[in-house]
Amino acid sequence: MNKIFEQFLPIAILLINVHNLYAHKDHKDRPAMPAIGVVQGSIIDSTSTKPIEYASVSLVDLEHNELITGGLSDKNGLVNITEIPLGKYVAVVEFMGYKKKEMDP
């Protein structure tokens, strides 16, 4: 009985591990969501209330913590990001000399 168990155990472990490999699907294989979202806004200095030119705005997927898209503010501090896939994102605003700002949904 012990000998049968010792022979069966490695095979069972191997089968379980192979099953786990096939069970995990990469999130990049999921169907693409329609890219119909839009983010518009203005980036201004909270102290001087002047627009911040060329501030970086990144949209990071909440589920997988990966960068999806982004854009830069124009000379008036305006940002317009289009064709965003449906989902939940964190907007990350960055500019040299300023503290990074993250805005949750």
PDB file of N, CA and C in Angstrom:
ATOM      1  N   MET A   1       0.826  -1.196   0.000  1.00  0.00           N
ATOM      2  CA  MET A   1       0.000   0.000   0.000  1.00  0.00           C
ATOM      3  C   MET A   1       0.868   1.258   0.000  1.00  0.00           C
ATOM      4  N   ASN A   2       1.899   1.269   0.839  1.00  0.00           N
ATOM      5  CA  ASN A   2       2.798   2.403   0.912  1.00  0.00           C
ATOM      6  C   ASN A   2       3.538   2.605  -0.405  1.00  0.00           C
ATOM      7  N   LYS A   3       3.931   1.500  -1.048  1.00  0.00           N
ATOM      8  CA  LYS A   3       4.672   1.570  -2.294  1.00  0.00           C
ATOM      9  C   LYS A   3       3.801   2.165  -3.409  1.00  0.00           C
ATOM     10  N   ILE A   4       2.536   1.802  -3.452  1.00  0.00           N
ATOM     11  CA  ILE A   4       1.615   2.348  -4.454  1.00  0.00           C
ATOM     12  C   ILE A   4       1.443   3.852  -4.233  1.00  0.00           C
ATOM     13  N   PHE A   5       1.303   4.256  -2.987  1.00  0.00           N
ATOM     14  CA  PHE A   5       1.154   5.675  -2.656  1.00  0.00           C
ATOM     15  C   PHE A   5       2.394   6.459  -3.077  1.00  0.00           C
ATOM     16  N   GLU A   6       3.588   5.902  -2.819  1.00  0.00           N
ATOM     17  CA  GLU A   6       4.836   6.571  -3.187  1.00  0.00           C
ATOM     18  C   GLU A   6       4.967   6.719  -4.695  1.00  0.00           C
ATOM     19  N   GLN A   7       4.454   5.780  -5.455  1.00  0.00           N
ATOM     20  CA  GLN A   7       4.526   5.868  -6.910  1.00  0.00           C
ATOM     21  C   GLN A   7       3.461   6.820  -7.459  1.00  0.00           C
ATOM     22  N   PHE A   8       2.318   6.870  -6.830  1.00  0.00           N
ATOM     23  CA  PHE A   8       1.213   7.690  -7.302  1.00  0.00           C
ATOM     24  C   PHE A   8       1.402   9.174  -6.967  1.00  0.00           C
ATOM     25  N   LEU A   9       2.023   9.492  -5.840  1.00  0.00           N
ATOM     26  CA  LEU A   9       2.160  10.868  -5.373  1.00  0.00           C
ATOM     27  C   LEU A   9       2.886  11.768  -6.380  1.00  0.00           C
ATOM     28  N   PRO A  10       4.058  11.386  -6.912  1.00  0.00           N
ATOM     29  CA  PRO A  10       4.717  12.279  -7.882  1.00  0.00           C
ATOM     30  C   PRO A  10       3.876  12.523  -9.136  1.00  0.00           C
ATOM     31  N   ILE A  11       3.154  11.509  -9.583  1.00  0.00           N
ATOM     32  CA  ILE A  11       2.305  11.677 -10.765  1.00  0.00           C
ATOM     33  C   ILE A  11       1.164  12.646 -10.455  1.00  0.00           C
ATOM     34  N   ALA A  12       0.567  12.522  -9.281  1.00  0.00           N
ATOM     35  CA  ALA A  12      -0.524  13.416  -8.884  1.00  0.00           C
ATOM     36  C   ALA A  12      -0.034  14.858  -8.788  1.00  0.00           C
ATOM     37  N   ILE A  13       1.135  15.060  -8.210  1.00  0.00           N
ATOM     38  CA  ILE A  13       1.697  16.414  -8.087  1.00  0.00           C
ATOM     39  C   ILE A  13       1.957  16.999  -9.470  1.00  0.00           C
ATOM     40  N   LEU A  14       2.510  16.201 -10.368  1.00  0.00           N
ATOM     41  CA  LEU A  14       2.784  16.658 -11.725  1.00  0.00           C
ATOM     42  C   LEU A  14       1.493  17.058 -12.440  1.00  0.00           C
ATOM     43  N   LEU A  15       0.463  16.242 -12.326  1.00  0.00           N
ATOM     44  CA  LEU A  15      -0.809  16.551 -12.981  1.00  0.00           C
ATOM     45  C   LEU A  15      -1.448  17.817 -12.416  1.00  0.00           C
ATOM     46  N   ILE A  16      -1.358  18.002 -11.121  1.00  0.00           N
ATOM     47  CA  ILE A  16      -1.919  19.210 -10.501  1.00  0.00           C
ATOM     48  C   ILE A  16      -1.172  20.445 -10.988  1.00  0.00           C
ATOM     49  N   ASN A  17       0.159  20.374 -11.058  1.00  0.00           N
ATOM     50  CA  ASN A  17       0.953  21.512 -11.521  1.00  0.00           C
ATOM     51  C   ASN A  17       0.675  21.838 -12.980  1.00  0.00           C
ATOM     52  N   VAL A  18       0.547  20.821 -13.825  1.00  0.00           N
ATOM     53  CA  VAL A  18       0.230  21.061 -15.233  1.00  0.00           C
ATOM     54  C   VAL A  18      -1.147  21.708 -15.356  1.00  0.00           C
ATOM     55  N   HIS A  19      -2.101  21.241 -14.577  1.00  0.00           N
ATOM     56  CA  HIS A  19      -3.441  21.831 -14.592  1.00  0.00           C
ATOM     57  C   HIS A  19      -3.382  23.306 -14.188  1.00  0.00           C
ATOM     58  N   ASN A  20      -2.585  23.639 -13.175  1.00  0.00           N
ATOM     59  CA  ASN A  20      -2.463  25.029 -12.734  1.00  0.00           C
ATOM     60  C   ASN A  20      -1.875  25.909 -13.827  1.00  0.00           C
ATOM     61  N   LEU A  21      -0.923  25.387 -14.593  1.00  0.00           N
ATOM     62  CA  LEU A  21      -0.335  26.169 -15.678  1.00  0.00           C
ATOM     63  C   LEU A  21      -1.371  26.498 -16.745  1.00  0.00           C
ATOM     64  N   TYR A  22      -2.199  25.535 -17.090  1.00  0.00           N
ATOM     65  CA  TYR A  22      -3.217  25.773 -18.102  1.00  0.00           C
ATOM     66  C   TYR A  22      -4.396  26.569 -17.559  1.00  0.00           C
ATOM     67  N   ALA A  23      -4.626  26.515 -16.279  1.00  0.00           N
ATOM     68  CA  ALA A  23      -5.752  27.241 -15.689  1.00  0.00           C
ATOM     69  C   ALA A  23      -5.491  28.739 -15.657  1.00  0.00           C
ATOM     70  N   HIS A  24      -4.220  29.147 -15.560  1.00  0.00           N
ATOM     71  CA  HIS A  24      -3.877  30.561 -15.500  1.00  0.00           C
ATOM     72  C   HIS A  24      -3.783  31.125 -16.913  1.00  0.00           C
ATOM     73  N   LYS A  25      -4.704  31.998 -17.251  1.00  0.00           N
ATOM     74  CA  LYS A  25      -4.693  32.641 -18.561  1.00  0.00           C
ATOM     75  C   LYS A  25      -4.118  34.037 -18.396  1.00  0.00           C
ATOM     76  N   ASP A  26      -3.287  34.434 -19.329  1.00  0.00           N
ATOM     77  CA  ASP A  26      -2.709  35.769 -19.307  1.00  0.00           C
ATOM     78  C   ASP A  26      -3.812  36.796 -19.568  1.00  0.00           C
ATOM     79  N   HIS A  27      -3.799  37.911 -18.835  1.00  0.00           N
ATOM     80  CA  HIS A  27      -4.842  38.918 -19.003  1.00  0.00           C
ATOM     81  C   HIS A  27      -4.776  39.587 -20.370  1.00  0.00           C
ATOM     82  N   LYS A  28      -3.683  39.474 -21.086  1.00  0.00           N
ATOM     83  CA  LYS A  28      -3.592  40.048 -22.426  1.00  0.00           C
ATOM     84  C   LYS A  28      -4.446  39.272 -23.426  1.00  0.00           C
ATOM     85  N   ASP A  29      -4.842  38.044 -23.080  1.00  0.00           N
ATOM     86  CA  ASP A  29      -5.681  37.234 -23.956  1.00  0.00           C
ATOM     87  C   ASP A  29      -7.162  37.556 -23.808  1.00  0.00           C
ATOM     88  N   ARG A  30      -7.514  38.430 -22.867  1.00  0.00           N
ATOM     89  CA  ARG A  30      -8.924  38.750 -22.669  1.00  0.00           C
ATOM     90  C   ARG A  30      -9.416  39.583 -23.853  1.00  0.00           C
ATOM     91  N   PRO A  31     -10.698  39.537 -24.147  1.00  0.00           N
ATOM     92  CA  PRO A  31     -11.220  40.305 -25.278  1.00  0.00           C
ATOM     93  C   PRO A  31     -11.026  41.799 -25.051  1.00  0.00           C
ATOM     94  N   ALA A  32     -10.704  42.506 -26.109  1.00  0.00           N
ATOM     95  CA  ALA A  32     -10.479  43.948 -26.013  1.00  0.00           C
ATOM     96  C   ALA A  32     -11.806  44.664 -25.790  1.00  0.00           C
ATOM     97  N   MET A  33     -11.790  45.590 -24.861  1.00  0.00           N
ATOM     98  CA  MET A  33     -12.980  46.395 -24.597  1.00  0.00           C
ATOM     99  C   MET A  33     -13.025  47.528 -25.623  1.00  0.00           C
ATOM    100  N   PRO A  34     -14.208  48.033 -25.941  1.00  0.00           N
ATOM    101  CA  PRO A  34     -14.300  49.144 -26.885  1.00  0.00           C
ATOM    102  C   PRO A  34     -13.563  50.369 -26.343  1.00  0.00           C
ATOM    103  N   ALA A  35     -12.806  51.029 -27.203  1.00  0.00           N
ATOM    104  CA  ALA A  35     -12.032  52.207 -26.804  1.00  0.00           C
ATOM    105  C   ALA A  35     -12.862  53.458 -27.073  1.00  0.00           C
ATOM    106  N   ILE A  36     -13.815  53.734 -26.176  1.00  0.00           N
ATOM    107  CA  ILE A  36     -14.723  54.865 -26.379  1.00  0.00           C
ATOM    108  C   ILE A  36     -14.620  55.912 -25.270  1.00  0.00           C
ATOM    109  N   GLY A  37     -13.762  55.684 -24.291  1.00  0.00           N
ATOM    110  CA  GLY A  37     -13.652  56.597 -23.160  1.00  0.00           C
ATOM    111  C   GLY A  37     -12.851  57.843 -23.488  1.00  0.00           C
ATOM    112  N   VAL A  38     -13.114  58.911 -22.735  1.00  0.00           N
ATOM    113  CA  VAL A  38     -12.431  60.191 -22.908  1.00  0.00           C
ATOM    114  C   VAL A  38     -12.130  60.768 -21.530  1.00  0.00           C
ATOM    115  N   VAL A  39     -10.930  61.333 -21.379  1.00  0.00           N
ATOM    116  CA  VAL A  39     -10.576  62.078 -20.171  1.00  0.00           C
ATOM    117  C   VAL A  39     -10.170  63.473 -20.612  1.00  0.00           C
ATOM    118  N   GLN A  40     -10.818  64.477 -20.035  1.00  0.00           N
ATOM    119  CA  GLN A  40     -10.491  65.864 -20.318  1.00  0.00           C
ATOM    120  C   GLN A  40     -10.326  66.595 -19.001  1.00  0.00           C
ATOM    121  N   GLY A  41      -9.409  67.539 -18.967  1.00  0.00           N
ATOM    122  CA  GLY A  41      -9.224  68.307 -17.752  1.00  0.00           C
ATOM    123  C   GLY A  41      -8.144  69.348 -17.920  1.00  0.00           C
ATOM    124  N   SER A  42      -7.865  70.046 -16.842  1.00  0.00           N
ATOM    125  CA  SER A  42      -6.800  71.043 -16.860  1.00  0.00           C
ATOM    126  C   SER A  42      -5.888  70.815 -15.668  1.00  0.00           C
ATOM    127  N   ILE A  43      -4.614  71.040 -15.895  1.00  0.00           N
ATOM    128  CA  ILE A  43      -3.598  70.884 -14.858  1.00  0.00           C
ATOM    129  C   ILE A  43      -3.134  72.286 -14.479  1.00  0.00           C
ATOM    130  N   ILE A  44      -3.365  72.650 -13.209  1.00  0.00           N
ATOM    131  CA  ILE A  44      -2.974  73.984 -12.748  1.00  0.00           C
ATOM    132  C   ILE A  44      -2.183  73.874 -11.452  1.00  0.00           C
ATOM    133  N   ASP A  45      -1.336  74.858 -11.210  1.00  0.00           N
ATOM    134  CA  ASP A  45      -0.587  74.955  -9.965  1.00  0.00           C
ATOM    135  C   ASP A  45      -1.565  75.404  -8.881  1.00  0.00           C
ATOM    136  N   SER A  46      -1.633  74.659  -7.780  1.00  0.00           N
ATOM    137  CA  SER A  46      -2.615  74.968  -6.733  1.00  0.00           C
ATOM    138  C   SER A  46      -2.304  76.266  -5.993  1.00  0.00           C
ATOM    139  N   THR A  47      -1.054  76.704  -6.024  1.00  0.00           N
ATOM    140  CA  THR A  47      -0.685  77.935  -5.328  1.00  0.00           C
ATOM    141  C   THR A  47      -0.885  79.159  -6.215  1.00  0.00           C
ATOM    142  N   SER A  48      -0.314  79.117  -7.421  1.00  0.00           N
ATOM    143  CA  SER A  48      -0.376  80.278  -8.311  1.00  0.00           C
ATOM    144  C   SER A  48      -1.598  80.270  -9.225  1.00  0.00           C
ATOM    145  N   THR A  49      -2.276  79.160  -9.326  1.00  0.00           N
ATOM    146  CA  THR A  49      -3.412  78.919 -10.235  1.00  0.00           C
ATOM    147  C   THR A  49      -3.053  79.111 -11.711  1.00  0.00           C
ATOM    148  N   LYS A  50      -1.769  79.012 -12.036  1.00  0.00           N
ATOM    149  CA  LYS A  50      -1.333  79.096 -13.435  1.00  0.00           C
ATOM    150  C   LYS A  50      -1.336  77.696 -14.042  1.00  0.00           C
ATOM    151  N   PRO A  51      -1.630  77.597 -15.343  1.00  0.00           N
ATOM    152  CA  PRO A  51      -1.621  76.282 -15.995  1.00  0.00           C
ATOM    153  C   PRO A  51      -0.211  75.702 -16.052  1.00  0.00           C
ATOM    154  N   ILE A  52      -0.131  74.379 -15.986  1.00  0.00           N
ATOM    155  CA  ILE A  52       1.155  73.688 -16.077  1.00  0.00           C
ATOM    156  C   ILE A  52       1.244  73.045 -17.456  1.00  0.00           C
ATOM    157  N   GLU A  53       2.203  73.525 -18.235  1.00  0.00           N
ATOM    158  CA  GLU A  53       2.417  73.044 -19.594  1.00  0.00           C
ATOM    159  C   GLU A  53       3.259  71.771 -19.584  1.00  0.00           C
ATOM    160  N   TYR A  54       2.918  70.809 -20.411  1.00  0.00           N
ATOM    161  CA  TYR A  54       3.635  69.535 -20.588  1.00  0.00           C
ATOM    162  C   TYR A  54       3.629  68.639 -19.347  1.00  0.00           C
ATOM    163  N   ALA A  55       2.601  68.737 -18.523  1.00  0.00           N
ATOM    164  CA  ALA A  55       2.450  67.782 -17.414  1.00  0.00           C
ATOM    165  C   ALA A  55       2.025  66.445 -18.008  1.00  0.00           C
ATOM    166  N   SER A  56       2.536  65.367 -17.457  1.00  0.00           N
ATOM    167  CA  SER A  56       2.226  64.019 -17.937  1.00  0.00           C
ATOM    168  C   SER A  56       1.019  63.468 -17.186  1.00  0.00           C
ATOM    169  N   VAL A  57       0.052  62.938 -17.939  1.00  0.00           N
ATOM    170  CA  VAL A  57      -1.118  62.293 -17.346  1.00  0.00           C
ATOM    171  C   VAL A  57      -1.144  60.857 -17.851  1.00  0.00           C
ATOM    172  N   SER A  58      -1.057  59.901 -16.927  1.00  0.00           N
ATOM    173  CA  SER A  58      -1.058  58.480 -17.277  1.00  0.00           C
ATOM    174  C   SER A  58      -2.301  57.820 -16.705  1.00  0.00           C
ATOM    175  N   LEU A  59      -2.895  56.912 -17.470  1.00  0.00           N
ATOM    176  CA  LEU A  59      -4.031  56.129 -16.982  1.00  0.00           C
ATOM    177  C   LEU A  59      -3.547  54.711 -16.733  1.00  0.00           C
ATOM    178  N   VAL A  60      -3.628  54.287 -15.468  1.00  0.00           N
ATOM    179  CA  VAL A  60      -3.133  52.980 -15.042  1.00  0.00           C
ATOM    180  C   VAL A  60      -4.324  52.093 -14.690  1.00  0.00           C
ATOM    181  N   ASP A  61      -4.371  50.905 -15.282  1.00  0.00           N
ATOM    182  CA  ASP A  61      -5.439  49.935 -15.035  1.00  0.00           C
ATOM    183  C   ASP A  61      -5.384  49.490 -13.578  1.00  0.00           C
ATOM    184  N   LEU A  62      -6.507  49.589 -12.866  1.00  0.00           N
ATOM    185  CA  LEU A  62      -6.554  49.213 -11.447  1.00  0.00           C
ATOM    186  C   LEU A  62      -6.378  47.716 -11.235  1.00  0.00           C
ATOM    187  N   GLU A  63      -6.959  46.900 -12.122  1.00  0.00           N
ATOM    188  CA  GLU A  63      -6.941  45.452 -11.935  1.00  0.00           C
ATOM    189  C   GLU A  63      -5.548  44.856 -12.121  1.00  0.00           C
ATOM    190  N   HIS A  64      -4.811  45.331 -13.142  1.00  0.00           N
ATOM    191  CA  HIS A  64      -3.513  44.733 -13.457  1.00  0.00           C
ATOM    192  C   HIS A  64      -2.341  45.669 -13.187  1.00  0.00           C
ATOM    193  N   ASN A  65      -2.614  46.878 -12.726  1.00  0.00           N
ATOM    194  CA  ASN A  65      -1.587  47.867 -12.414  1.00  0.00           C
ATOM    195  C   ASN A  65      -0.631  48.082 -13.586  1.00  0.00           C
ATOM    196  N   GLU A  66      -1.197  48.269 -14.787  1.00  0.00           N
ATOM    197  CA  GLU A  66      -0.368  48.510 -15.959  1.00  0.00           C
ATOM    198  C   GLU A  66      -0.826  49.773 -16.677  1.00  0.00           C
ATOM    199  N   LEU A  67       0.136  50.468 -17.275  1.00  0.00           N
ATOM    200  CA  LEU A  67      -0.146  51.687 -18.011  1.00  0.00           C
ATOM    201  C   LEU A  67      -0.974  51.356 -19.247  1.00  0.00           C
ATOM    202  N   ILE A  68      -2.092  52.051 -19.436  1.00  0.00           N
ATOM    203  CA  ILE A  68      -2.960  51.824 -20.590  1.00  0.00           C
ATOM    204  C   ILE A  68      -2.744  52.895 -21.651  1.00  0.00           C
ATOM    205  N   THR A  69      -2.755  54.149 -21.245  1.00  0.00           N
ATOM    206  CA  THR A  69      -2.554  55.255 -22.177  1.00  0.00           C
ATOM    207  C   THR A  69      -2.210  56.506 -21.378  1.00  0.00           C
ATOM    208  N   GLY A  70      -2.028  57.599 -22.056  1.00  0.00           N
ATOM    209  CA  GLY A  70      -1.711  58.838 -21.368  1.00  0.00           C
ATOM    210  C   GLY A  70      -1.615  59.989 -22.345  1.00  0.00           C
ATOM    211  N   GLY A  71      -1.206  61.135 -21.823  1.00  0.00           N
ATOM    212  CA  GLY A  71      -1.059  62.313 -22.660  1.00  0.00           C
ATOM    213  C   GLY A  71      -0.339  63.416 -21.911  1.00  0.00           C
ATOM    214  N   LEU A  72      -0.131  64.529 -22.601  1.00  0.00           N
ATOM    215  CA  LEU A  72       0.532  65.701 -22.026  1.00  0.00           C
ATOM    216  C   LEU A  72      -0.419  66.888 -22.061  1.00  0.00           C
ATOM    217  N   SER A  73      -0.257  67.771 -21.086  1.00  0.00           N
ATOM    218  CA  SER A  73      -1.060  68.992 -21.096  1.00  0.00           C
ATOM    219  C   SER A  73      -0.471  69.969 -22.112  1.00  0.00           C
ATOM    220  N   ASP A  74      -1.332  70.805 -22.696  1.00  0.00           N
ATOM    221  CA  ASP A  74      -0.864  71.792 -23.672  1.00  0.00           C
ATOM    222  C   ASP A  74      -0.415  73.070 -22.958  1.00  0.00           C
ATOM    223  N   LYS A  75      -0.165  74.134 -23.727  1.00  0.00           N
ATOM    224  CA  LYS A  75       0.353  75.376 -23.131  1.00  0.00           C
ATOM    225  C   LYS A  75      -0.638  76.030 -22.178  1.00  0.00           C
ATOM    226  N   ASN A  76      -1.922  75.663 -22.284  1.00  0.00           N
ATOM    227  CA  ASN A  76      -2.947  76.182 -21.379  1.00  0.00           C
ATOM    228  C   ASN A  76      -3.252  75.219 -20.239  1.00  0.00           C
ATOM    229  N   GLY A  77      -2.465  74.136 -20.125  1.00  0.00           N
ATOM    230  CA  GLY A  77      -2.665  73.143 -19.075  1.00  0.00           C
ATOM    231  C   GLY A  77      -3.782  72.155 -19.363  1.00  0.00           C
ATOM    232  N   LEU A  78      -4.343  72.194 -20.574  1.00  0.00           N
ATOM    233  CA  LEU A  78      -5.468  71.325 -20.922  1.00  0.00           C
ATOM    234  C   LEU A  78      -4.987  69.950 -21.382  1.00  0.00           C
ATOM    235  N   VAL A  79      -5.715  68.920 -20.959  1.00  0.00           N
ATOM    236  CA  VAL A  79      -5.416  67.535 -21.320  1.00  0.00           C
ATOM    237  C   VAL A  79      -6.657  66.945 -21.979  1.00  0.00           C
ATOM    238  N   ASN A  80      -6.444  66.211 -23.072  1.00  0.00           N
ATOM    239  CA  ASN A  80      -7.544  65.534 -23.758  1.00  0.00           C
ATOM    240  C   ASN A  80      -7.030  64.166 -24.207  1.00  0.00           C
ATOM    241  N   ILE A  81      -7.466  63.114 -23.526  1.00  0.00           N
ATOM    242  CA  ILE A  81      -7.064  61.749 -23.865  1.00  0.00           C
ATOM    243  C   ILE A  81      -8.308  61.040 -24.389  1.00  0.00           C
ATOM    244  N   THR A  82      -8.216  60.488 -25.600  1.00  0.00           N
ATOM    245  CA  THR A  82      -9.368  59.845 -26.226  1.00  0.00           C
ATOM    246  C   THR A  82      -9.084  58.373 -26.502  1.00  0.00           C
ATOM    247  N   GLU A  83     -10.104  57.679 -26.954  1.00  0.00           N
ATOM    248  CA  GLU A  83     -10.026  56.265 -27.322  1.00  0.00           C
ATOM    249  C   GLU A  83      -9.492  55.397 -26.181  1.00  0.00           C
ATOM    250  N   ILE A  84     -10.063  55.590 -25.003  1.00  0.00           N
ATOM    251  CA  ILE A  84      -9.665  54.834 -23.814  1.00  0.00           C
ATOM    252  C   ILE A  84     -10.556  53.599 -23.701  1.00  0.00           C
ATOM    253  N   PRO A  85      -9.963  52.403 -23.576  1.00  0.00           N
ATOM    254  CA  PRO A  85     -10.779  51.198 -23.396  1.00  0.00           C
ATOM    255  C   PRO A  85     -11.587  51.284 -22.101  1.00  0.00           C
ATOM    256  N   LEU A  86     -12.780  50.701 -22.105  1.00  0.00           N
ATOM    257  CA  LEU A  86     -13.608  50.690 -20.902  1.00  0.00           C
ATOM    258  C   LEU A  86     -12.868  49.986 -19.774  1.00  0.00           C
ATOM    259  N   GLY A  87     -12.978  50.504 -18.566  1.00  0.00           N
ATOM    260  CA  GLY A  87     -12.317  49.906 -17.412  1.00  0.00           C
ATOM    261  C   GLY A  87     -12.227  50.896 -16.273  1.00  0.00           C
ATOM    262  N   LYS A  88     -11.557  50.481 -15.196  1.00  0.00           N
ATOM    263  CA  LYS A  88     -11.339  51.346 -14.035  1.00  0.00           C
ATOM    264  C   LYS A  88      -9.861  51.703 -13.996  1.00  0.00           C
ATOM    265  N   TYR A  89      -9.592  53.008 -13.879  1.00  0.00           N
ATOM    266  CA  TYR A  89      -8.230  53.498 -13.954  1.00  0.00           C
ATOM    267  C   TYR A  89      -7.914  54.459 -12.816  1.00  0.00           C
ATOM    268  N   VAL A  90      -6.634  54.603 -12.560  1.00  0.00           N
ATOM    269  CA  VAL A  90      -6.110  55.660 -11.709  1.00  0.00           C
ATOM    270  C   VAL A  90      -5.422  56.639 -12.647  1.00  0.00           C
ATOM    271  N   ALA A  91      -5.730  57.920 -12.517  1.00  0.00           N
ATOM    272  CA  ALA A  91      -5.044  58.947 -13.296  1.00  0.00           C
ATOM    273  C   ALA A  91      -3.845  59.420 -12.482  1.00  0.00           C
ATOM    274  N   VAL A  92      -2.664  59.361 -13.083  1.00  0.00           N
ATOM    275  CA  VAL A  92      -1.432  59.775 -12.413  1.00  0.00           C
ATOM    276  C   VAL A  92      -0.902  61.007 -13.139  1.00  0.00           C
ATOM    277  N   VAL A  93      -0.810  62.130 -12.411  1.00  0.00           N
ATOM    278  CA  VAL A  93      -0.320  63.381 -12.986  1.00  0.00           C
ATOM    279  C   VAL A  93       1.066  63.643 -12.424  1.00  0.00           C
ATOM    280  N   GLU A  94       2.027  63.887 -13.337  1.00  0.00           N
ATOM    281  CA  GLU A  94       3.414  64.119 -12.923  1.00  0.00           C
ATOM    282  C   GLU A  94       4.008  65.279 -13.710  1.00  0.00           C
ATOM    283  N   PHE A  95       4.852  66.039 -13.026  1.00  0.00           N
ATOM    284  CA  PHE A  95       5.619  67.094 -13.667  1.00  0.00           C
ATOM    285  C   PHE A  95       6.844  67.366 -12.805  1.00  0.00           C
ATOM    286  N   MET A  96       7.955  67.619 -13.454  1.00  0.00           N
ATOM    287  CA  MET A  96       9.208  67.836 -12.744  1.00  0.00           C
ATOM    288  C   MET A  96       9.074  69.005 -11.758  1.00  0.00           C
ATOM    289  N   GLY A  97       9.498  68.775 -10.523  1.00  0.00           N
ATOM    290  CA  GLY A  97       9.428  69.796  -9.493  1.00  0.00           C
ATOM    291  C   GLY A  97       8.141  69.775  -8.681  1.00  0.00           C
ATOM    292  N   TYR A  98       7.203  68.912  -9.060  1.00  0.00           N
ATOM    293  CA  TYR A  98       5.932  68.785  -8.350  1.00  0.00           C
ATOM    294  C   TYR A  98       5.787  67.376  -7.789  1.00  0.00           C
ATOM    295  N   LYS A  99       5.030  67.267  -6.726  1.00  0.00           N
ATOM    296  CA  LYS A  99       4.723  65.967  -6.143  1.00  0.00           C
ATOM    297  C   LYS A  99       3.738  65.228  -7.055  1.00  0.00           C
ATOM    298  N   LYS A 100       3.970  63.930  -7.258  1.00  0.00           N
ATOM    299  CA  LYS A 100       3.077  63.115  -8.091  1.00  0.00           C
ATOM    300  C   LYS A 100       1.686  63.073  -7.462  1.00  0.00           C
ATOM    301  N   LYS A 101       0.657  63.211  -8.297  1.00  0.00           N
ATOM    302  CA  LYS A 101      -0.734  63.200  -7.834  1.00  0.00           C
ATOM    303  C   LYS A 101      -1.458  62.027  -8.479  1.00  0.00           C
ATOM    304  N   GLU A 102      -2.073  61.164  -7.644  1.00  0.00           N
ATOM    305  CA  GLU A 102      -2.860  60.034  -8.135  1.00  0.00           C
ATOM    306  C   GLU A 102      -4.320  60.282  -7.801  1.00  0.00           C
ATOM    307  N   MET A 103      -5.178  60.114  -8.807  1.00  0.00           N
ATOM    308  CA  MET A 103      -6.612  60.327  -8.615  1.00  0.00           C
ATOM    309  C   MET A 103      -7.352  59.040  -8.911  1.00  0.00           C
ATOM    310  N   ASP A 104      -7.960  58.476  -7.861  1.00  0.00           N
ATOM    311  CA  ASP A 104      -8.729  57.237  -7.990  1.00  0.00           C
ATOM    312  C   ASP A 104     -10.093  57.535  -8.595  1.00  0.00           C
ATOM    313  N   PRO A 105     -10.733  56.480  -9.148  1.00  0.00           N
ATOM    314  CA  PRO A 105     -12.072  56.684  -9.727  1.00  0.00           C
ATOM    315  C   PRO A 105     -13.096  57.043  -8.665  1.00  0.00           C
TER     316      PRO A 105
END
